[in-house]
Amino acid sequence: MEYIKVKDKNNLVRDSFSNGIVNTDYENYKKYVDSYKRKVEESNRIQKLESEIDNIRTDLNEIKDLLRNLSKWTQIKLS
């Protein structure tokens, strides 16, 4: 495989076999990969938090229903 330097682009070369452009700037590539991983982790964290909020919302609704039923039962007992 032979690489041909791309004019006016220090970090780009052309693969003579596939005619594709290859970025040779490893540092920027690593920064991109790290940034992508952080975005994926943040997205997963947000999904987890949303799921936990939904669970808390469900639990609160169940508690409210139990309190309403307890209140009704107490009123019936006191009558």
PDB file of N, CA and C in Angstrom:
ATOM      1  N   MET A   1       0.835  -1.168   0.000  1.00  0.00           N
ATOM      2  CA  MET A   1       0.000   0.000   0.000  1.00  0.00           C
ATOM      3  C   MET A   1       0.886   1.239   0.000  1.00  0.00           C
ATOM      4  N   GLU A   2       0.533   2.172  -0.818  1.00  0.00           N
ATOM      5  CA  GLU A   2       1.305   3.407  -0.896  1.00  0.00           C
ATOM      6  C   GLU A   2       0.381   4.572  -0.579  1.00  0.00           C
ATOM      7  N   TYR A   3       0.904   5.522   0.155  1.00  0.00           N
ATOM      8  CA  TYR A   3       0.129   6.701   0.510  1.00  0.00           C
ATOM      9  C   TYR A   3       0.680   7.921  -0.219  1.00  0.00           C
ATOM     10  N   ILE A   4      -0.246   8.741  -0.698  1.00  0.00           N
ATOM     11  CA  ILE A   4       0.120   9.962  -1.404  1.00  0.00           C
ATOM     12  C   ILE A   4      -0.383  11.134  -0.568  1.00  0.00           C
ATOM     13  N   LYS A   5       0.479  12.070  -0.261  1.00  0.00           N
ATOM     14  CA  LYS A   5       0.131  13.211   0.561  1.00  0.00           C
ATOM     15  C   LYS A   5      -0.926  14.060  -0.146  1.00  0.00           C
ATOM     16  N   VAL A   6      -1.941  14.501   0.618  1.00  0.00           N
ATOM     17  CA  VAL A   6      -2.999  15.358   0.075  1.00  0.00           C
ATOM     18  C   VAL A   6      -2.517  16.797   0.130  1.00  0.00           C
ATOM     19  N   LYS A   7      -2.691  17.498  -0.949  1.00  0.00           N
ATOM     20  CA  LYS A   7      -2.215  18.876  -1.059  1.00  0.00           C
ATOM     21  C   LYS A   7      -2.877  19.766  -0.011  1.00  0.00           C
ATOM     22  N   ASP A   8      -2.084  20.571   0.670  1.00  0.00           N
ATOM     23  CA  ASP A   8      -2.537  21.551   1.667  1.00  0.00           C
ATOM     24  C   ASP A   8      -3.187  20.928   2.900  1.00  0.00           C
ATOM     25  N   LYS A   9      -3.045  19.636   3.092  1.00  0.00           N
ATOM     26  CA  LYS A   9      -3.602  18.963   4.274  1.00  0.00           C
ATOM     27  C   LYS A   9      -2.497  18.116   4.891  1.00  0.00           C
ATOM     28  N   ASN A  10      -1.944  18.591   5.997  1.00  0.00           N
ATOM     29  CA  ASN A  10      -0.802  17.912   6.604  1.00  0.00           C
ATOM     30  C   ASN A  10      -1.129  16.528   7.147  1.00  0.00           C
ATOM     31  N   ASN A  11      -2.348  16.326   7.620  1.00  0.00           N
ATOM     32  CA  ASN A  11      -2.683  15.078   8.300  1.00  0.00           C
ATOM     33  C   ASN A  11      -3.458  14.092   7.423  1.00  0.00           C
ATOM     34  N   LEU A  12      -3.602  14.400   6.147  1.00  0.00           N
ATOM     35  CA  LEU A  12      -4.361  13.517   5.264  1.00  0.00           C
ATOM     36  C   LEU A  12      -3.468  12.939   4.176  1.00  0.00           C
ATOM     37  N   VAL A  13      -3.689  11.648   3.917  1.00  0.00           N
ATOM     38  CA  VAL A  13      -3.000  10.974   2.806  1.00  0.00           C
ATOM     39  C   VAL A  13      -4.035  10.169   2.030  1.00  0.00           C
ATOM     40  N   ARG A  14      -3.717   9.908   0.770  1.00  0.00           N
ATOM     41  CA  ARG A  14      -4.605   9.108  -0.078  1.00  0.00           C
ATOM     42  C   ARG A  14      -3.992   7.727  -0.259  1.00  0.00           C
ATOM     43  N   ASP A  15      -4.818   6.702  -0.033  1.00  0.00           N
ATOM     44  CA  ASP A  15      -4.392   5.320  -0.253  1.00  0.00           C
ATOM     45  C   ASP A  15      -4.420   5.072  -1.755  1.00  0.00           C
ATOM     46  N   SER A  16      -3.289   4.744  -2.338  1.00  0.00           N
ATOM     47  CA  SER A  16      -3.212   4.584  -3.797  1.00  0.00           C
ATOM     48  C   SER A  16      -3.989   3.363  -4.285  1.00  0.00           C
ATOM     49  N   PHE A  17      -4.223   2.392  -3.417  1.00  0.00           N
ATOM     50  CA  PHE A  17      -4.949   1.183  -3.831  1.00  0.00           C
ATOM     51  C   PHE A  17      -6.460   1.425  -3.855  1.00  0.00           C
ATOM     52  N   SER A  18      -7.005   1.964  -2.744  1.00  0.00           N
ATOM     53  CA  SER A  18      -8.464   2.153  -2.652  1.00  0.00           C
ATOM     54  C   SER A  18      -8.898   3.555  -3.048  1.00  0.00           C
ATOM     55  N   ASN A  19      -7.948   4.459  -3.185  1.00  0.00           N
ATOM     56  CA  ASN A  19      -8.202   5.852  -3.503  1.00  0.00           C
ATOM     57  C   ASN A  19      -8.908   6.584  -2.359  1.00  0.00           C
ATOM     58  N   GLY A  20      -8.916   5.962  -1.175  1.00  0.00           N
ATOM     59  CA  GLY A  20      -9.557   6.567  -0.010  1.00  0.00           C
ATOM     60  C   GLY A  20      -8.623   7.535   0.703  1.00  0.00           C
ATOM     61  N   ILE A  21      -9.248   8.446   1.433  1.00  0.00           N
ATOM     62  CA  ILE A  21      -8.478   9.414   2.223  1.00  0.00           C
ATOM     63  C   ILE A  21      -8.307   8.853   3.634  1.00  0.00           C
ATOM     64  N   VAL A  22      -7.092   8.945   4.165  1.00  0.00           N
ATOM     65  CA  VAL A  22      -6.773   8.432   5.493  1.00  0.00           C
ATOM     66  C   VAL A  22      -6.255   9.589   6.345  1.00  0.00           C
ATOM     67  N   ASN A  23      -6.835   9.738   7.539  1.00  0.00           N
ATOM     68  CA  ASN A  23      -6.367  10.758   8.471  1.00  0.00           C
ATOM     69  C   ASN A  23      -5.254  10.149   9.319  1.00  0.00           C
ATOM     70  N   THR A  24      -4.112  10.777   9.333  1.00  0.00           N
ATOM     71  CA  THR A  24      -2.965  10.244  10.070  1.00  0.00           C
ATOM     72  C   THR A  24      -2.763  10.953  11.408  1.00  0.00           C
ATOM     73  N   ASP A  25      -3.679  11.830  11.787  1.00  0.00           N
ATOM     74  CA  ASP A  25      -3.574  12.579  13.044  1.00  0.00           C
ATOM     75  C   ASP A  25      -4.183  11.750  14.173  1.00  0.00           C
ATOM     76  N   TYR A  26      -3.337  10.961  14.832  1.00  0.00           N
ATOM     77  CA  TYR A  26      -3.805  10.043  15.872  1.00  0.00           C
ATOM     78  C   TYR A  26      -4.368  10.791  17.075  1.00  0.00           C
ATOM     79  N   GLU A  27      -3.782  11.905  17.451  1.00  0.00           N
ATOM     80  CA  GLU A  27      -4.233  12.651  18.634  1.00  0.00           C
ATOM     81  C   GLU A  27      -5.664  13.141  18.461  1.00  0.00           C
ATOM     82  N   ASN A  28      -5.969  13.723  17.313  1.00  0.00           N
ATOM     83  CA  ASN A  28      -7.343  14.187  17.070  1.00  0.00           C
ATOM     84  C   ASN A  28      -8.316  13.017  16.987  1.00  0.00           C
ATOM     85  N   TYR A  29      -7.865  11.914  16.423  1.00  0.00           N
ATOM     86  CA  TYR A  29      -8.718  10.721  16.361  1.00  0.00           C
ATOM     87  C   TYR A  29      -9.030  10.229  17.770  1.00  0.00           C
ATOM     88  N   LYS A  30      -8.009  10.185  18.628  1.00  0.00           N
ATOM     89  CA  LYS A  30      -8.200   9.748  20.012  1.00  0.00           C
ATOM     90  C   LYS A  30      -9.152  10.696  20.741  1.00  0.00           C
ATOM     91  N   LYS A  31      -9.023  11.998  20.520  1.00  0.00           N
ATOM     92  CA  LYS A  31      -9.936  12.972  21.129  1.00  0.00           C
ATOM     93  C   LYS A  31     -11.370  12.716  20.676  1.00  0.00           C
ATOM     94  N   TYR A  32     -11.544  12.426  19.389  1.00  0.00           N
ATOM     95  CA  TYR A  32     -12.881  12.138  18.859  1.00  0.00           C
ATOM     96  C   TYR A  32     -13.460  10.889  19.518  1.00  0.00           C
ATOM     97  N   VAL A  33     -12.668   9.835  19.612  1.00  0.00           N
ATOM     98  CA  VAL A  33     -13.147   8.583  20.204  1.00  0.00           C
ATOM     99  C   VAL A  33     -13.506   8.807  21.674  1.00  0.00           C
ATOM    100  N   ASP A  34     -12.670   9.539  22.399  1.00  0.00           N
ATOM    101  CA  ASP A  34     -12.962   9.832  23.807  1.00  0.00           C
ATOM    102  C   ASP A  34     -14.242  10.646  23.941  1.00  0.00           C
ATOM    103  N   SER A  35     -14.409  11.626  23.074  1.00  0.00           N
ATOM    104  CA  SER A  35     -15.614  12.459  23.088  1.00  0.00           C
ATOM    105  C   SER A  35     -16.855  11.607  22.801  1.00  0.00           C
ATOM    106  N   TYR A  36     -16.744  10.717  21.837  1.00  0.00           N
ATOM    107  CA  TYR A  36     -17.866   9.835  21.488  1.00  0.00           C
ATOM    108  C   TYR A  36     -18.231   8.941  22.675  1.00  0.00           C
ATOM    109  N   LYS A  37     -17.216   8.389  23.333  1.00  0.00           N
ATOM    110  CA  LYS A  37     -17.471   7.525  24.493  1.00  0.00           C
ATOM    111  C   LYS A  37     -18.167   8.297  25.609  1.00  0.00           C
ATOM    112  N   ARG A  38     -17.725   9.540  25.837  1.00  0.00           N
ATOM    113  CA  ARG A  38     -18.369  10.369  26.873  1.00  0.00           C
ATOM    114  C   ARG A  38     -19.827  10.628  26.537  1.00  0.00           C
ATOM    115  N   LYS A  39     -20.113  10.884  25.275  1.00  0.00           N
ATOM    116  CA  LYS A  39     -21.502  11.136  24.856  1.00  0.00           C
ATOM    117  C   LYS A  39     -22.358   9.892  25.053  1.00  0.00           C
ATOM    118  N   VAL A  40     -21.812   8.735  24.725  1.00  0.00           N
ATOM    119  CA  VAL A  40     -22.560   7.483  24.910  1.00  0.00           C
ATOM    120  C   VAL A  40     -22.808   7.233  26.398  1.00  0.00           C
ATOM    121  N   GLU A  41     -21.777   7.447  27.225  1.00  0.00           N
ATOM    122  CA  GLU A  41     -21.927   7.258  28.674  1.00  0.00           C
ATOM    123  C   GLU A  41     -22.960   8.225  29.235  1.00  0.00           C
ATOM    124  N   GLU A  42     -22.938   9.462  28.773  1.00  0.00           N
ATOM    125  CA  GLU A  42     -23.902  10.463  29.244  1.00  0.00           C
ATOM    126  C   GLU A  42     -25.320  10.079  28.825  1.00  0.00           C
ATOM    127  N   SER A  43     -25.458   9.598  27.607  1.00  0.00           N
ATOM    128  CA  SER A  43     -26.768   9.164  27.132  1.00  0.00           C
ATOM    129  C   SER A  43     -27.289   7.997  27.967  1.00  0.00           C
ATOM    130  N   ASN A  44     -26.414   7.037  28.271  1.00  0.00           N
ATOM    131  CA  ASN A  44     -26.804   5.896  29.108  1.00  0.00           C
ATOM    132  C   ASN A  44     -27.193   6.361  30.506  1.00  0.00           C
ATOM    133  N   ARG A  45     -26.435   7.316  31.043  1.00  0.00           N
ATOM    134  CA  ARG A  45     -26.728   7.851  32.378  1.00  0.00           C
ATOM    135  C   ARG A  45     -28.091   8.534  32.389  1.00  0.00           C
ATOM    136  N   ILE A  46     -28.382   9.310  31.357  1.00  0.00           N
ATOM    137  CA  ILE A  46     -29.668  10.005  31.277  1.00  0.00           C
ATOM    138  C   ILE A  46     -30.805   8.993  31.185  1.00  0.00           C
ATOM    139  N   GLN A  47     -30.637   7.953  30.380  1.00  0.00           N
ATOM    140  CA  GLN A  47     -31.675   6.921  30.269  1.00  0.00           C
ATOM    141  C   GLN A  47     -31.910   6.239  31.608  1.00  0.00           C
ATOM    142  N   LYS A  48     -30.840   5.971  32.341  1.00  0.00           N
ATOM    143  CA  LYS A  48     -30.963   5.333  33.654  1.00  0.00           C
ATOM    144  C   LYS A  48     -31.712   6.254  34.615  1.00  0.00           C
ATOM    145  N   LEU A  49     -31.360   7.539  34.619  1.00  0.00           N
ATOM    146  CA  LEU A  49     -32.038   8.499  35.493  1.00  0.00           C
ATOM    147  C   LEU A  49     -33.519   8.628  35.146  1.00  0.00           C
ATOM    148  N   GLU A  50     -33.837   8.645  33.864  1.00  0.00           N
ATOM    149  CA  GLU A  50     -35.237   8.726  33.447  1.00  0.00           C
ATOM    150  C   GLU A  50     -36.009   7.497  33.918  1.00  0.00           C
ATOM    151  N   SER A  51     -35.376   6.350  33.836  1.00  0.00           N
ATOM    152  CA  SER A  51     -36.016   5.116  34.296  1.00  0.00           C
ATOM    153  C   SER A  51     -36.256   5.171  35.803  1.00  0.00           C
ATOM    154  N   GLU A  52     -35.263   5.663  36.550  1.00  0.00           N
ATOM    155  CA  GLU A  52     -35.410   5.778  38.002  1.00  0.00           C
ATOM    156  C   GLU A  52     -36.519   6.769  38.361  1.00  0.00           C
ATOM    157  N   ILE A  53     -36.619   7.862  37.624  1.00  0.00           N
ATOM    158  CA  ILE A  53     -37.689   8.836  37.872  1.00  0.00           C
ATOM    159  C   ILE A  53     -39.047   8.206  37.611  1.00  0.00           C
ATOM    160  N   ASP A  54     -39.164   7.436  36.550  1.00  0.00           N
ATOM    161  CA  ASP A  54     -40.428   6.745  36.259  1.00  0.00           C
ATOM    162  C   ASP A  54     -40.793   5.784  37.393  1.00  0.00           C
ATOM    163  N   ASN A  55     -39.806   5.076  37.910  1.00  0.00           N
ATOM    164  CA  ASN A  55     -40.060   4.153  39.024  1.00  0.00           C
ATOM    165  C   ASN A  55     -40.512   4.906  40.273  1.00  0.00           C
ATOM    166  N   ILE A  56     -39.873   6.034  40.550  1.00  0.00           N
ATOM    167  CA  ILE A  56     -40.261   6.846  41.711  1.00  0.00           C
ATOM    168  C   ILE A  56     -41.676   7.378  41.525  1.00  0.00           C
ATOM    169  N   ARG A  57     -42.002   7.814  40.334  1.00  0.00           N
ATOM    170  CA  ARG A  57     -43.343   8.324  40.030  1.00  0.00           C
ATOM    171  C   ARG A  57     -44.383   7.227  40.270  1.00  0.00           C
ATOM    172  N   THR A  58     -44.091   6.020  39.829  1.00  0.00           N
ATOM    173  CA  THR A  58     -45.000   4.893  40.037  1.00  0.00           C
ATOM    174  C   THR A  58     -45.160   4.601  41.528  1.00  0.00           C
ATOM    175  N   ASP A  59     -44.051   4.597  42.241  1.00  0.00           N
ATOM    176  CA  ASP A  59     -44.096   4.351  43.692  1.00  0.00           C
ATOM    177  C   ASP A  59     -44.925   5.419  44.401  1.00  0.00           C
ATOM    178  N   LEU A  60     -44.751   6.675  44.026  1.00  0.00           N
ATOM    179  CA  LEU A  60     -45.526   7.755  44.650  1.00  0.00           C
ATOM    180  C   LEU A  60     -47.027   7.606  44.378  1.00  0.00           C
ATOM    181  N   ASN A  61     -47.357   7.215  43.180  1.00  0.00           N
ATOM    182  CA  ASN A  61     -48.775   6.994  42.857  1.00  0.00           C
ATOM    183  C   ASN A  61     -49.349   5.855  43.694  1.00  0.00           C
ATOM    184  N   GLU A  62     -48.582   4.801  43.888  1.00  0.00           N
ATOM    185  CA  GLU A  62     -49.038   3.689  44.728  1.00  0.00           C
ATOM    186  C   GLU A  62     -49.217   4.148  46.180  1.00  0.00           C
ATOM    187  N   ILE A  63     -48.285   4.951  46.674  1.00  0.00           N
ATOM    188  CA  ILE A  63     -48.386   5.465  48.047  1.00  0.00           C
ATOM    189  C   ILE A  63     -49.623   6.346  48.179  1.00  0.00           C
ATOM    190  N   LYS A  64     -49.867   7.196  47.204  1.00  0.00           N
ATOM    191  CA  LYS A  64     -51.056   8.055  47.242  1.00  0.00           C
ATOM    192  C   LYS A  64     -52.332   7.221  47.255  1.00  0.00           C
ATOM    193  N   ASP A  65     -52.378   6.191  46.452  1.00  0.00           N
ATOM    194  CA  ASP A  65     -53.556   5.315  46.431  1.00  0.00           C
ATOM    195  C   ASP A  65     -53.745   4.628  47.779  1.00  0.00           C
ATOM    196  N   LEU A  66     -52.652   4.163  48.368  1.00  0.00           N
ATOM    197  CA  LEU A  66     -52.740   3.521  49.677  1.00  0.00           C
ATOM    198  C   LEU A  66     -53.229   4.505  50.746  1.00  0.00           C
ATOM    199  N   LEU A  67     -52.736   5.723  50.700  1.00  0.00           N
ATOM    200  CA  LEU A  67     -53.176   6.734  51.664  1.00  0.00           C
ATOM    201  C   LEU A  67     -54.658   7.079  51.480  1.00  0.00           C
ATOM    202  N   ARG A  68     -55.103   7.169  50.254  1.00  0.00           N
ATOM    203  CA  ARG A  68     -56.532   7.424  49.993  1.00  0.00           C
ATOM    204  C   ARG A  68     -57.389   6.283  50.549  1.00  0.00           C
ATOM    205  N   ASN A  69     -56.957   5.067  50.289  1.00  0.00           N
ATOM    206  CA  ASN A  69     -57.717   3.910  50.784  1.00  0.00           C
ATOM    207  C   ASN A  69     -57.706   3.858  52.312  1.00  0.00           C
ATOM    208  N   LEU A  70     -56.582   4.186  52.899  1.00  0.00           N
ATOM    209  CA  LEU A  70     -56.483   4.209  54.353  1.00  0.00           C
ATOM    210  C   LEU A  70     -57.401   5.286  54.928  1.00  0.00           C
ATOM    211  N   SER A  71     -57.436   6.410  54.282  1.00  0.00           N
ATOM    212  CA  SER A  71     -58.295   7.508  54.729  1.00  0.00           C
ATOM    213  C   SER A  71     -59.770   7.097  54.638  1.00  0.00           C
ATOM    214  N   LYS A  72     -60.141   6.478  53.548  1.00  0.00           N
ATOM    215  CA  LYS A  72     -61.534   6.019  53.387  1.00  0.00           C
ATOM    216  C   LYS A  72     -61.873   4.972  54.445  1.00  0.00           C
ATOM    217  N   TRP A  73     -60.947   4.056  54.643  1.00  0.00           N
ATOM    218  CA  TRP A  73     -61.190   2.989  55.633  1.00  0.00           C
ATOM    219  C   TRP A  73     -61.330   3.567  57.021  1.00  0.00           C
ATOM    220  N   THR A  74     -60.493   4.556  57.354  1.00  0.00           N
ATOM    221  CA  THR A  74     -60.534   5.197  58.661  1.00  0.00           C
ATOM    222  C   THR A  74     -61.851   5.946  58.842  1.00  0.00           C
ATOM    223  N   GLN A  75     -62.318   6.611  57.815  1.00  0.00           N
ATOM    224  CA  GLN A  75     -63.590   7.332  57.891  1.00  0.00           C
ATOM    225  C   GLN A  75     -64.746   6.366  58.097  1.00  0.00           C
ATOM    226  N   ILE A  76     -64.695   5.222  57.445  1.00  0.00           N
ATOM    227  CA  ILE A  76     -65.757   4.215  57.598  1.00  0.00           C
ATOM    228  C   ILE A  76     -65.729   3.663  59.028  1.00  0.00           C
ATOM    229  N   LYS A  77     -64.562   3.379  59.540  1.00  0.00           N
ATOM    230  CA  LYS A  77     -64.434   2.839  60.903  1.00  0.00           C
ATOM    231  C   LYS A  77     -64.925   3.829  61.948  1.00  0.00           C
ATOM    232  N   LEU A  78     -64.667   5.110  61.729  1.00  0.00           N
ATOM    233  CA  LEU A  78     -65.045   6.134  62.698  1.00  0.00           C
ATOM    234  C   LEU A  78     -66.530   6.490  62.622  1.00  0.00           C
ATOM    235  N   SER A  79     -67.175   6.142  61.536  1.00  0.00           N
ATOM    236  CA  SER A  79     -68.592   6.497  61.380  1.00  0.00           C
ATOM    237  C   SER A  79     -69.504   5.591  62.163  1.00  0.00           C
TER     238      SER A  79
END
